[in-house]
């Protein structure tokens, strides 16, 4: 998946970065707290992933003409703006980092490579009804995994099971939006729409409103 910046609406944007292409860019825009966090990451690979994700969120904010406020993680691992305004989600996988921002609504984003082994792992994250329509297709399984991850990140609290609390409606490889819900929890029957973009062996998903 190539580097890109996409304006979703006047309130929302996302950006995808090739980590190697951006890892040497300056990050002077970071808050003092974030600079301390970056300094404490000892492994170069992790530092580059962290930087690329922050550069992505900076690019998304620039796209909708909003200042970078700095971000921190809460006790559930969800990122929040330090000024208390807006919602953000960050993700990375091998070689790629991405971020999404929405001024008013919670968001979730995920990136995953299509791999055959995801079918073998299906019993761990899929309801039996989902397994029936996914038909052992690695692409469909990856789309399902990624969509559930985006929903999980959007709802923002630990204790939600991908298998037991997130259920997807049937979809196919041509579908650009997956419908799902969080159920049997304090967020019972909370519904989500997830945009899907497939580029080669890469699947990108993110929540939309």
C-alpha atoms as a PDB file:
ATOM      1  CA  UNK A   1       0.000   0.000   0.000  1.00  0.00           C
ATOM      2  CA  UNK A   2       1.401   3.349  -1.057  1.00  0.00           C
ATOM      3  CA  UNK A   3       1.750   6.459   1.071  1.00  0.00           C
ATOM      4  CA  UNK A   4      -1.441   8.505   0.862  1.00  0.00           C
ATOM      5  CA  UNK A   5      -3.467  11.210   2.578  1.00  0.00           C
ATOM      6  CA  UNK A   6      -7.256  11.076   2.241  1.00  0.00           C
ATOM      7  CA  UNK A   7      -9.793  13.673   3.315  1.00  0.00           C
ATOM      8  CA  UNK A   8     -12.886  11.716   4.329  1.00  0.00           C
ATOM      9  CA  UNK A   9     -14.982  14.778   5.216  1.00  0.00           C
ATOM     10  CA  UNK A  10     -14.488  18.282   6.577  1.00  0.00           C
ATOM     11  CA  UNK A  11     -14.255  16.636  10.018  1.00  0.00           C
ATOM     12  CA  UNK A  12     -12.164  13.566   9.249  1.00  0.00           C
ATOM     13  CA  UNK A  13      -9.039  12.434   7.395  1.00  0.00           C
ATOM     14  CA  UNK A  14      -6.597   9.547   7.322  1.00  0.00           C
ATOM     15  CA  UNK A  15      -3.023   9.035   6.197  1.00  0.00           C
ATOM     16  CA  UNK A  16      -0.942   5.969   5.345  1.00  0.00           C
ATOM     17  CA  UNK A  17       2.862   6.048   5.499  1.00  0.00           C
ATOM     18  CA  UNK A  18       5.554   3.796   4.123  1.00  0.00           C
ATOM     19  CA  UNK A  19       7.732   3.592   7.237  1.00  0.00           C
ATOM     20  CA  UNK A  20      11.060   3.520   5.394  1.00  0.00           C
ATOM     21  CA  UNK A  21      10.115   6.601   3.386  1.00  0.00           C
ATOM     22  CA  UNK A  22       9.316   8.742   6.424  1.00  0.00           C
ATOM     23  CA  UNK A  23      11.483   7.355   9.242  1.00  0.00           C
ATOM     24  CA  UNK A  24      14.138  10.060   8.780  1.00  0.00           C
ATOM     25  CA  UNK A  25      11.697  12.967   8.798  1.00  0.00           C
ATOM     26  CA  UNK A  26      11.799  15.463  11.659  1.00  0.00           C
ATOM     27  CA  UNK A  27       9.083  15.301  14.318  1.00  0.00           C
ATOM     28  CA  UNK A  28       9.538  18.691  15.961  1.00  0.00           C
ATOM     29  CA  UNK A  29       5.736  19.040  16.161  1.00  0.00           C
ATOM     30  CA  UNK A  30       5.529  16.403  18.929  1.00  0.00           C
ATOM     31  CA  UNK A  31       4.515  17.455  22.423  1.00  0.00           C
ATOM     32  CA  UNK A  32       7.111  17.312  25.194  1.00  0.00           C
ATOM     33  CA  UNK A  33       5.396  14.232  26.614  1.00  0.00           C
ATOM     34  CA  UNK A  34       5.523  12.483  23.233  1.00  0.00           C
ATOM     35  CA  UNK A  35       9.182  13.353  22.746  1.00  0.00           C
ATOM     36  CA  UNK A  36       9.920  11.672  26.085  1.00  0.00           C
ATOM     37  CA  UNK A  37       7.979   8.603  24.985  1.00  0.00           C
ATOM     38  CA  UNK A  38       9.918   8.442  21.720  1.00  0.00           C
ATOM     39  CA  UNK A  39      13.254   8.825  23.526  1.00  0.00           C
ATOM     40  CA  UNK A  40      12.388   5.839  25.713  1.00  0.00           C
ATOM     41  CA  UNK A  41      11.860   3.463  22.757  1.00  0.00           C
ATOM     42  CA  UNK A  42      15.161   1.610  22.476  1.00  0.00           C
ATOM     43  CA  UNK A  43      14.543  -0.559  19.396  1.00  0.00           C
ATOM     44  CA  UNK A  44      15.034   1.258  16.083  1.00  0.00           C
ATOM     45  CA  UNK A  45      12.200  -0.646  14.386  1.00  0.00           C
ATOM     46  CA  UNK A  46       9.727   0.327  17.110  1.00  0.00           C
ATOM     47  CA  UNK A  47      10.940   3.942  17.047  1.00  0.00           C
ATOM     48  CA  UNK A  48      10.369   4.128  13.302  1.00  0.00           C
ATOM     49  CA  UNK A  49       6.863   2.619  13.608  1.00  0.00           C
ATOM     50  CA  UNK A  50       5.991   5.090  16.358  1.00  0.00           C
ATOM     51  CA  UNK A  51       7.301   8.067  14.347  1.00  0.00           C
ATOM     52  CA  UNK A  52       5.566   6.992  11.146  1.00  0.00           C
ATOM     53  CA  UNK A  53       2.202   6.745  12.931  1.00  0.00           C
ATOM     54  CA  UNK A  54       2.606  10.254  14.429  1.00  0.00           C
ATOM     55  CA  UNK A  55       3.635  11.639  11.047  1.00  0.00           C
ATOM     56  CA  UNK A  56       0.489  10.049   9.616  1.00  0.00           C
ATOM     57  CA  UNK A  57      -1.791  11.692  12.153  1.00  0.00           C
ATOM     58  CA  UNK A  58      -0.006  15.032  11.598  1.00  0.00           C
ATOM     59  CA  UNK A  59      -0.650  14.687   7.852  1.00  0.00           C
ATOM     60  CA  UNK A  60      -4.314  13.840   8.458  1.00  0.00           C
ATOM     61  CA  UNK A  61      -4.748  16.878  10.707  1.00  0.00           C
ATOM     62  CA  UNK A  62      -3.009  19.144   8.183  1.00  0.00           C
ATOM     63  CA  UNK A  63      -5.431  17.842   5.546  1.00  0.00           C
ATOM     64  CA  UNK A  64      -8.413  19.235   7.455  1.00  0.00           C
ATOM     65  CA  UNK A  65      -6.549  22.317   8.707  1.00  0.00           C
ATOM     66  CA  UNK A  66      -6.348  21.376  12.376  1.00  0.00           C
ATOM     67  CA  UNK A  67      -3.325  21.858  14.654  1.00  0.00           C
ATOM     68  CA  UNK A  68      -1.449  18.889  16.132  1.00  0.00           C
ATOM     69  CA  UNK A  69      -2.317  18.848  19.862  1.00  0.00           C
ATOM     70  CA  UNK A  70      -0.192  15.895  20.982  1.00  0.00           C
ATOM     71  CA  UNK A  71      -1.652  12.542  21.990  1.00  0.00           C
ATOM     72  CA  UNK A  72      -1.510  10.183  24.957  1.00  0.00           C
ATOM     73  CA  UNK A  73      -2.802   6.669  25.734  1.00  0.00           C
ATOM     74  CA  UNK A  74      -5.341   5.908  28.449  1.00  0.00           C
ATOM     75  CA  UNK A  75      -5.459   2.803  30.660  1.00  0.00           C
ATOM     76  CA  UNK A  76      -7.141   0.859  27.845  1.00  0.00           C
ATOM     77  CA  UNK A  77      -4.384   1.714  25.356  1.00  0.00           C
ATOM     78  CA  UNK A  78      -6.579   4.103  23.346  1.00  0.00           C
ATOM     79  CA  UNK A  79      -5.009   7.340  22.125  1.00  0.00           C
ATOM     80  CA  UNK A  80      -6.553  10.725  22.992  1.00  0.00           C
ATOM     81  CA  UNK A  81      -5.813  14.309  22.023  1.00  0.00           C
ATOM     82  CA  UNK A  82      -4.099  16.242  24.806  1.00  0.00           C
ATOM     83  CA  UNK A  83      -6.393  19.221  24.262  1.00  0.00           C
ATOM     84  CA  UNK A  84      -9.451  16.998  24.678  1.00  0.00           C
ATOM     85  CA  UNK A  85     -10.832  17.677  21.201  1.00  0.00           C
ATOM     86  CA  UNK A  86     -11.257  15.048  18.493  1.00  0.00           C
ATOM     87  CA  UNK A  87     -10.716  11.304  18.215  1.00  0.00           C
ATOM     88  CA  UNK A  88      -7.749   9.398  16.818  1.00  0.00           C
ATOM     89  CA  UNK A  89      -6.705   5.839  16.048  1.00  0.00           C
ATOM     90  CA  UNK A  90      -3.253   4.621  15.014  1.00  0.00           C
ATOM     91  CA  UNK A  91      -2.022   1.345  13.532  1.00  0.00           C
ATOM     92  CA  UNK A  92       1.040  -0.228  11.960  1.00  0.00           C
ATOM     93  CA  UNK A  93       2.135  -3.486  10.411  1.00  0.00           C
ATOM     94  CA  UNK A  94       5.320  -4.534   8.642  1.00  0.00           C
ATOM     95  CA  UNK A  95       6.562  -1.510   6.696  1.00  0.00           C
ATOM     96  CA  UNK A  96       3.331   0.518   6.920  1.00  0.00           C
ATOM     97  CA  UNK A  97       1.780   2.872   9.494  1.00  0.00           C
ATOM     98  CA  UNK A  98      -1.547   4.681   9.366  1.00  0.00           C
ATOM     99  CA  UNK A  99      -3.747   7.005  11.395  1.00  0.00           C
ATOM    100  CA  UNK A 100      -7.280   8.396  11.259  1.00  0.00           C
ATOM    101  CA  UNK A 101      -8.789  11.456  12.947  1.00  0.00           C
ATOM    102  CA  UNK A 102     -12.385  12.585  13.394  1.00  0.00           C
ATOM    103  CA  UNK A 103     -13.264  15.840  15.102  1.00  0.00           C
ATOM    104  CA  UNK A 104     -16.528  14.590  16.652  1.00  0.00           C
ATOM    105  CA  UNK A 105     -16.817  10.775  16.535  1.00  0.00           C
ATOM    106  CA  UNK A 106     -14.723   7.845  17.868  1.00  0.00           C
ATOM    107  CA  UNK A 107     -12.676   6.092  15.193  1.00  0.00           C
ATOM    108  CA  UNK A 108     -10.744   2.872  14.673  1.00  0.00           C
ATOM    109  CA  UNK A 109      -8.251   1.884  11.970  1.00  0.00           C
ATOM    110  CA  UNK A 110      -6.325  -1.284  11.159  1.00  0.00           C
ATOM    111  CA  UNK A 111      -3.826  -2.599   8.605  1.00  0.00           C
ATOM    112  CA  UNK A 112      -3.119  -6.274   7.861  1.00  0.00           C
ATOM    113  CA  UNK A 113      -1.415  -8.395   5.213  1.00  0.00           C
ATOM    114  CA  UNK A 114      -3.429 -11.209   3.656  1.00  0.00           C
ATOM    115  CA  UNK A 115      -1.928 -14.507   4.854  1.00  0.00           C
ATOM    116  CA  UNK A 116      -3.090 -18.117   4.456  1.00  0.00           C
ATOM    117  CA  UNK A 117      -2.602 -18.804   8.172  1.00  0.00           C
ATOM    118  CA  UNK A 118      -5.444 -16.446   9.121  1.00  0.00           C
ATOM    119  CA  UNK A 119      -7.904 -19.168   8.042  1.00  0.00           C
ATOM    120  CA  UNK A 120      -6.398 -21.577  10.587  1.00  0.00           C
ATOM    121  CA  UNK A 121      -6.832 -18.936  13.281  1.00  0.00           C
ATOM    122  CA  UNK A 122     -10.462 -18.277  12.422  1.00  0.00           C
ATOM    123  CA  UNK A 123     -11.883 -20.267  15.335  1.00  0.00           C
ATOM    124  CA  UNK A 124     -10.166 -17.839  17.723  1.00  0.00           C
ATOM    125  CA  UNK A 125     -11.784 -14.634  16.464  1.00  0.00           C
ATOM    126  CA  UNK A 126     -14.871 -15.624  14.452  1.00  0.00           C
ATOM    127  CA  UNK A 127     -18.412 -16.614  15.399  1.00  0.00           C
ATOM    128  CA  UNK A 128     -19.644 -19.832  13.732  1.00  0.00           C
ATOM    129  CA  UNK A 129     -22.096 -17.803  11.621  1.00  0.00           C
ATOM    130  CA  UNK A 130     -19.195 -15.737  10.238  1.00  0.00           C
ATOM    131  CA  UNK A 131     -17.138 -18.822   9.408  1.00  0.00           C
ATOM    132  CA  UNK A 132     -20.043 -20.057   7.263  1.00  0.00           C
ATOM    133  CA  UNK A 133     -20.036 -17.084   4.878  1.00  0.00           C
ATOM    134  CA  UNK A 134     -16.270 -16.474   4.787  1.00  0.00           C
ATOM    135  CA  UNK A 135     -15.781 -19.805   2.963  1.00  0.00           C
ATOM    136  CA  UNK A 136     -12.137 -20.340   4.008  1.00  0.00           C
ATOM    137  CA  UNK A 137     -11.043 -17.431   1.784  1.00  0.00           C
ATOM    138  CA  UNK A 138      -7.843 -15.808   3.200  1.00  0.00           C
ATOM    139  CA  UNK A 139      -8.836 -12.380   1.844  1.00  0.00           C
ATOM    140  CA  UNK A 140     -12.299 -12.545   3.432  1.00  0.00           C
ATOM    141  CA  UNK A 141     -10.809 -13.778   6.705  1.00  0.00           C
ATOM    142  CA  UNK A 142      -8.307 -10.894   6.705  1.00  0.00           C
ATOM    143  CA  UNK A 143     -11.066  -8.399   5.967  1.00  0.00           C
ATOM    144  CA  UNK A 144     -13.063  -9.836   8.875  1.00  0.00           C
ATOM    145  CA  UNK A 145     -10.087  -9.756  11.265  1.00  0.00           C
ATOM    146  CA  UNK A 146      -9.194  -6.194  10.294  1.00  0.00           C
ATOM    147  CA  UNK A 147     -12.803  -4.965  10.489  1.00  0.00           C
ATOM    148  CA  UNK A 148     -13.151  -6.428  13.981  1.00  0.00           C
ATOM    149  CA  UNK A 149      -9.870  -4.810  15.017  1.00  0.00           C
ATOM    150  CA  UNK A 150     -11.107  -1.429  13.776  1.00  0.00           C
ATOM    151  CA  UNK A 151     -14.355  -1.852  15.723  1.00  0.00           C
ATOM    152  CA  UNK A 152     -12.420  -2.941  18.814  1.00  0.00           C
ATOM    153  CA  UNK A 153     -10.176   0.136  18.603  1.00  0.00           C
ATOM    154  CA  UNK A 154     -13.150   2.410  18.015  1.00  0.00           C
ATOM    155  CA  UNK A 155     -15.059   1.220  21.099  1.00  0.00           C
ATOM    156  CA  UNK A 156     -11.872   1.768  23.048  1.00  0.00           C
ATOM    157  CA  UNK A 157     -12.135  -0.509  26.081  1.00  0.00           C
ATOM    158  CA  UNK A 158     -10.423  -3.721  27.109  1.00  0.00           C
ATOM    159  CA  UNK A 159     -12.489  -6.811  27.839  1.00  0.00           C
ATOM    160  CA  UNK A 160     -14.275  -6.941  24.467  1.00  0.00           C
ATOM    161  CA  UNK A 161     -13.694 -10.235  22.644  1.00  0.00           C
ATOM    162  CA  UNK A 162     -13.381 -10.260  18.847  1.00  0.00           C
ATOM    163  CA  UNK A 163     -15.141 -13.638  18.801  1.00  0.00           C
ATOM    164  CA  UNK A 164     -17.642 -13.261  21.615  1.00  0.00           C
ATOM    165  CA  UNK A 165     -18.613  -9.585  21.458  1.00  0.00           C
ATOM    166  CA  UNK A 166     -18.142  -8.397  17.865  1.00  0.00           C
ATOM    167  CA  UNK A 167     -20.370  -9.824  15.130  1.00  0.00           C
ATOM    168  CA  UNK A 168     -20.157  -8.979  11.416  1.00  0.00           C
ATOM    169  CA  UNK A 169     -22.948  -9.149   8.867  1.00  0.00           C
ATOM    170  CA  UNK A 170     -22.236 -11.281   5.750  1.00  0.00           C
ATOM    171  CA  UNK A 171     -20.037  -9.574   3.134  1.00  0.00           C
ATOM    172  CA  UNK A 172     -18.046 -10.434   0.017  1.00  0.00           C
ATOM    173  CA  UNK A 173     -14.705  -9.465  -1.522  1.00  0.00           C
ATOM    174  CA  UNK A 174     -16.362  -6.750  -3.625  1.00  0.00           C
ATOM    175  CA  UNK A 175     -17.967  -5.006  -0.656  1.00  0.00           C
ATOM    176  CA  UNK A 176     -16.434  -1.687   0.358  1.00  0.00           C
ATOM    177  CA  UNK A 177     -18.287  -1.387   3.679  1.00  0.00           C
ATOM    178  CA  UNK A 178     -18.700  -4.068   6.363  1.00  0.00           C
ATOM    179  CA  UNK A 179     -21.463  -3.773   8.952  1.00  0.00           C
ATOM    180  CA  UNK A 180     -20.874  -5.045  12.481  1.00  0.00           C
ATOM    181  CA  UNK A 181     -21.919  -4.637  16.083  1.00  0.00           C
ATOM    182  CA  UNK A 182     -20.643  -4.990  19.620  1.00  0.00           C
ATOM    183  CA  UNK A 183     -23.098  -7.137  21.580  1.00  0.00           C
ATOM    184  CA  UNK A 184     -23.481  -8.986  24.893  1.00  0.00           C
ATOM    185  CA  UNK A 185     -21.543  -6.281  26.737  1.00  0.00           C
ATOM    186  CA  UNK A 186     -22.183  -2.889  28.305  1.00  0.00           C
ATOM    187  CA  UNK A 187     -22.129  -1.620  24.695  1.00  0.00           C
ATOM    188  CA  UNK A 188     -24.759  -4.189  23.696  1.00  0.00           C
ATOM    189  CA  UNK A 189     -26.011  -3.805  20.118  1.00  0.00           C
ATOM    190  CA  UNK A 190     -23.785  -0.829  19.362  1.00  0.00           C
ATOM    191  CA  UNK A 191     -23.570  -0.777  15.533  1.00  0.00           C
ATOM    192  CA  UNK A 192     -20.584   0.120  13.348  1.00  0.00           C
ATOM    193  CA  UNK A 193     -19.825   0.652   9.662  1.00  0.00           C
ATOM    194  CA  UNK A 194     -16.288  -0.186   8.527  1.00  0.00           C
ATOM    195  CA  UNK A 195     -14.778   0.951   5.222  1.00  0.00           C
ATOM    196  CA  UNK A 196     -12.546  -1.626   3.506  1.00  0.00           C
ATOM    197  CA  UNK A 197      -9.746  -0.919   1.036  1.00  0.00           C
ATOM    198  CA  UNK A 198      -7.722  -3.768  -0.491  1.00  0.00           C
ATOM    199  CA  UNK A 199      -4.399  -2.972  -2.184  1.00  0.00           C
ATOM    200  CA  UNK A 200      -2.464  -6.013  -3.360  1.00  0.00           C
ATOM    201  CA  UNK A 201      -1.809  -8.134  -0.270  1.00  0.00           C
ATOM    202  CA  UNK A 202      -2.758  -5.336   2.130  1.00  0.00           C
ATOM    203  CA  UNK A 203      -6.140  -4.724   3.772  1.00  0.00           C
ATOM    204  CA  UNK A 204      -6.958  -1.345   5.316  1.00  0.00           C
ATOM    205  CA  UNK A 205     -10.132  -0.902   7.364  1.00  0.00           C
ATOM    206  CA  UNK A 206     -11.494   2.056   9.296  1.00  0.00           C
ATOM    207  CA  UNK A 207     -14.759   3.019  10.954  1.00  0.00           C
ATOM    208  CA  UNK A 208     -17.012   5.524   9.223  1.00  0.00           C
ATOM    209  CA  UNK A 209     -20.076   7.490  10.365  1.00  0.00           C
END
